[in-house]
Amino acid sequence: MKKIITKKEKKIKIIPEMLISDLAEKYPDVVEFLIIEYNFHCVNCVLAGFETLEEGIKVHGITKKEFKEMLKIMNEMVG
């Protein structure tokens, strides 16, 4: 019998406080999504090792609502 995973049990792997460079290193498949869908080129920036995802979205004018959706999709991608 297959176990049904509830939202509470689902582990969130990508969080706003994550460094952009860590995201790119751990989840390279997400990088293309960020560039294509959000024009989020921070993943290739020299500041990626010092800047969090949350800080990066502010620089690129991504709204908090868009960021929430972005996080949701990224976490679904890395499942």
N, C-alpha and C. Protein backbone atom coordinates (compact mmCIF):
# COMPACT_ATOMS: atom_id res chain seq x y z
N MET A 1 0.84 -1.18 0.00
CA MET A 1 0.00 0.00 0.00
C MET A 1 0.89 1.24 0.00
N LYS A 2 0.60 2.17 -0.87
CA LYS A 2 1.37 3.40 -1.00
C LYS A 2 0.98 4.39 0.10
N LYS A 3 2.00 4.97 0.77
CA LYS A 3 1.74 5.92 1.84
C LYS A 3 1.41 7.29 1.23
N ILE A 4 0.38 7.90 1.75
CA ILE A 4 0.01 9.25 1.32
C ILE A 4 0.73 10.24 2.22
N ILE A 5 1.46 11.16 1.59
CA ILE A 5 2.22 12.16 2.34
C ILE A 5 1.40 13.43 2.45
N THR A 6 1.20 13.88 3.68
CA THR A 6 0.46 15.11 3.91
C THR A 6 1.39 16.31 3.76
N LYS A 7 0.81 17.51 3.68
CA LYS A 7 1.63 18.72 3.55
C LYS A 7 2.58 18.87 4.73
N LYS A 8 2.14 18.51 5.92
CA LYS A 8 3.00 18.63 7.10
C LYS A 8 4.20 17.71 7.00
N GLU A 9 4.01 16.54 6.43
CA GLU A 9 5.08 15.57 6.33
C GLU A 9 6.05 15.88 5.19
N LYS A 10 5.58 16.63 4.21
CA LYS A 10 6.41 16.95 3.05
C LYS A 10 7.54 17.87 3.48
N LYS A 11 8.76 17.47 3.16
CA LYS A 11 9.91 18.27 3.55
C LYS A 11 10.16 19.37 2.55
N ILE A 12 10.32 20.57 3.07
CA ILE A 12 10.66 21.71 2.24
C ILE A 12 12.18 21.76 2.15
N LYS A 13 12.70 21.72 0.95
CA LYS A 13 14.14 21.68 0.76
C LYS A 13 14.72 23.05 0.39
N ILE A 14 13.93 23.85 -0.28
CA ILE A 14 14.40 25.17 -0.73
C ILE A 14 13.65 26.21 0.07
N ILE A 15 14.41 27.02 0.80
CA ILE A 15 13.82 28.04 1.68
C ILE A 15 14.37 29.42 1.30
N PRO A 16 13.68 30.49 1.68
CA PRO A 16 14.11 31.84 1.33
C PRO A 16 15.53 32.18 1.81
N GLU A 17 15.94 31.60 2.93
CA GLU A 17 17.25 31.92 3.52
C GLU A 17 18.40 31.15 2.88
N MET A 18 18.10 30.31 1.92
CA MET A 18 19.13 29.50 1.26
C MET A 18 20.01 30.39 0.37
N LEU A 19 21.32 30.18 0.44
CA LEU A 19 22.22 30.92 -0.44
C LEU A 19 21.97 30.49 -1.89
N ILE A 20 22.03 31.46 -2.79
CA ILE A 20 21.79 31.18 -4.19
C ILE A 20 22.80 30.16 -4.72
N SER A 21 24.05 30.28 -4.31
CA SER A 21 25.08 29.34 -4.77
C SER A 21 24.79 27.92 -4.28
N ASP A 22 24.25 27.78 -3.07
CA ASP A 22 23.90 26.45 -2.55
C ASP A 22 22.77 25.84 -3.37
N LEU A 23 21.80 26.68 -3.71
CA LEU A 23 20.69 26.20 -4.55
C LEU A 23 21.22 25.69 -5.88
N ALA A 24 22.09 26.48 -6.53
CA ALA A 24 22.63 26.10 -7.84
C ALA A 24 23.45 24.82 -7.75
N GLU A 25 24.17 24.66 -6.67
CA GLU A 25 25.01 23.47 -6.50
C GLU A 25 24.18 22.22 -6.21
N LYS A 26 23.21 22.35 -5.31
CA LYS A 26 22.41 21.19 -4.89
C LYS A 26 21.33 20.81 -5.90
N TYR A 27 20.78 21.80 -6.58
CA TYR A 27 19.65 21.57 -7.48
C TYR A 27 19.88 22.25 -8.83
N PRO A 28 20.83 21.77 -9.62
CA PRO A 28 21.14 22.42 -10.90
C PRO A 28 19.97 22.46 -11.88
N ASP A 29 19.04 21.52 -11.77
CA ASP A 29 17.88 21.53 -12.66
C ASP A 29 16.98 22.74 -12.44
N VAL A 30 17.02 23.29 -11.25
CA VAL A 30 16.19 24.43 -10.92
C VAL A 30 16.74 25.72 -11.57
N VAL A 31 18.03 25.74 -11.82
CA VAL A 31 18.68 26.94 -12.36
C VAL A 31 18.05 27.37 -13.68
N GLU A 32 17.88 26.42 -14.59
CA GLU A 32 17.28 26.74 -15.89
C GLU A 32 15.87 27.31 -15.72
N PHE A 33 15.10 26.71 -14.83
CA PHE A 33 13.75 27.20 -14.54
C PHE A 33 13.78 28.66 -14.08
N LEU A 34 14.69 28.99 -13.16
CA LEU A 34 14.77 30.34 -12.64
C LEU A 34 15.14 31.35 -13.72
N ILE A 35 16.06 30.97 -14.58
CA ILE A 35 16.49 31.88 -15.63
C ILE A 35 15.39 32.08 -16.66
N ILE A 36 14.78 30.99 -17.11
CA ILE A 36 13.76 31.08 -18.16
C ILE A 36 12.47 31.72 -17.66
N GLU A 37 11.97 31.26 -16.52
CA GLU A 37 10.66 31.72 -16.04
C GLU A 37 10.69 33.07 -15.31
N TYR A 38 11.81 33.37 -14.65
CA TYR A 38 11.86 34.58 -13.82
C TYR A 38 12.99 35.53 -14.17
N ASN A 39 13.75 35.20 -15.24
CA ASN A 39 14.90 36.02 -15.61
C ASN A 39 15.82 36.25 -14.42
N PHE A 40 15.96 35.22 -13.60
CA PHE A 40 16.71 35.26 -12.34
C PHE A 40 18.12 34.73 -12.60
N HIS A 41 18.99 35.64 -13.03
CA HIS A 41 20.35 35.26 -13.40
C HIS A 41 21.31 35.28 -12.20
N CYS A 42 20.79 35.49 -11.02
CA CYS A 42 21.62 35.51 -9.81
C CYS A 42 22.42 34.22 -9.63
N VAL A 43 21.92 33.14 -10.16
CA VAL A 43 22.58 31.86 -9.99
C VAL A 43 23.97 31.83 -10.61
N ASN A 44 24.24 32.75 -11.53
CA ASN A 44 25.55 32.84 -12.18
C ASN A 44 26.36 34.05 -11.71
N CYS A 45 25.87 34.76 -10.74
CA CYS A 45 26.50 36.00 -10.27
C CYS A 45 27.59 35.70 -9.23
N VAL A 46 28.60 36.58 -9.17
CA VAL A 46 29.67 36.40 -8.18
C VAL A 46 29.15 36.58 -6.76
N LEU A 47 28.04 37.26 -6.60
CA LEU A 47 27.46 37.46 -5.26
C LEU A 47 26.61 36.28 -4.79
N ALA A 48 26.42 35.29 -5.65
CA ALA A 48 25.56 34.15 -5.32
C ALA A 48 26.00 33.42 -4.06
N GLY A 49 27.29 33.48 -3.74
CA GLY A 49 27.79 32.83 -2.54
C GLY A 49 27.53 33.60 -1.27
N PHE A 50 27.03 34.82 -1.42
CA PHE A 50 26.78 35.67 -0.26
C PHE A 50 25.33 36.10 -0.14
N GLU A 51 24.56 35.89 -1.19
CA GLU A 51 23.19 36.38 -1.23
C GLU A 51 22.19 35.24 -1.14
N THR A 52 21.14 35.46 -0.35
CA THR A 52 20.08 34.46 -0.23
C THR A 52 19.08 34.62 -1.37
N LEU A 53 18.24 33.62 -1.54
CA LEU A 53 17.17 33.73 -2.53
C LEU A 53 16.29 34.94 -2.26
N GLU A 54 15.97 35.14 -1.01
CA GLU A 54 15.10 36.26 -0.63
C GLU A 54 15.74 37.60 -0.98
N GLU A 55 17.03 37.73 -0.77
CA GLU A 55 17.73 38.96 -1.12
C GLU A 55 17.78 39.14 -2.64
N GLY A 56 17.97 38.04 -3.35
CA GLY A 56 18.04 38.09 -4.81
C GLY A 56 16.76 38.54 -5.47
N ILE A 57 15.63 38.12 -4.93
CA ILE A 57 14.36 38.51 -5.55
C ILE A 57 14.11 40.01 -5.41
N LYS A 58 14.59 40.59 -4.33
CA LYS A 58 14.41 42.03 -4.12
C LYS A 58 15.17 42.82 -5.18
N VAL A 59 16.35 42.37 -5.52
CA VAL A 59 17.18 43.04 -6.52
C VAL A 59 16.53 42.97 -7.90
N HIS A 60 15.83 41.86 -8.16
CA HIS A 60 15.25 41.65 -9.49
C HIS A 60 13.78 42.02 -9.59
N GLY A 61 13.24 42.64 -8.57
CA GLY A 61 11.86 43.12 -8.62
C GLY A 61 10.80 42.04 -8.64
N ILE A 62 11.14 40.87 -8.13
CA ILE A 62 10.16 39.79 -8.04
C ILE A 62 9.33 40.03 -6.78
N THR A 63 8.02 40.02 -6.94
CA THR A 63 7.14 40.30 -5.81
C THR A 63 7.12 39.14 -4.83
N LYS A 64 6.65 39.42 -3.61
CA LYS A 64 6.55 38.36 -2.61
C LYS A 64 5.59 37.26 -3.06
N LYS A 65 4.52 37.65 -3.74
CA LYS A 65 3.55 36.68 -4.24
C LYS A 65 4.22 35.78 -5.29
N GLU A 66 4.96 36.39 -6.20
CA GLU A 66 5.68 35.60 -7.22
C GLU A 66 6.71 34.69 -6.57
N PHE A 67 7.38 35.21 -5.52
CA PHE A 67 8.40 34.43 -4.83
C PHE A 67 7.80 33.21 -4.15
N LYS A 68 6.63 33.37 -3.55
CA LYS A 68 5.94 32.24 -2.92
C LYS A 68 5.67 31.15 -3.95
N GLU A 69 5.18 31.55 -5.11
CA GLU A 69 4.88 30.60 -6.18
C GLU A 69 6.17 29.97 -6.69
N MET A 70 7.23 30.77 -6.82
CA MET A 70 8.53 30.28 -7.26
C MET A 70 9.04 29.19 -6.31
N LEU A 71 8.97 29.46 -5.02
CA LEU A 71 9.42 28.48 -4.01
C LEU A 71 8.61 27.20 -4.10
N LYS A 72 7.31 27.35 -4.25
CA LYS A 72 6.42 26.18 -4.35
C LYS A 72 6.82 25.31 -5.54
N ILE A 73 7.02 25.92 -6.69
CA ILE A 73 7.37 25.18 -7.89
C ILE A 73 8.74 24.53 -7.74
N MET A 74 9.71 25.28 -7.20
CA MET A 74 11.06 24.72 -7.03
C MET A 74 11.04 23.51 -6.10
N ASN A 75 10.29 23.59 -5.02
CA ASN A 75 10.22 22.47 -4.07
C ASN A 75 9.51 21.27 -4.70
N GLU A 76 8.54 21.52 -5.57
CA GLU A 76 7.90 20.43 -6.29
C GLU A 76 8.89 19.78 -7.26
N MET A 77 9.74 20.61 -7.87
CA MET A 77 10.73 20.09 -8.83
C MET A 77 11.74 19.16 -8.16
N VAL A 78 12.15 19.51 -6.95
CA VAL A 78 13.17 18.71 -6.26
C VAL A 78 12.56 17.61 -5.41
N GLY A 79 11.22 17.65 -5.28
CA GLY A 79 10.42 16.64 -4.62
C GLY A 79 11.02 16.01 -3.47
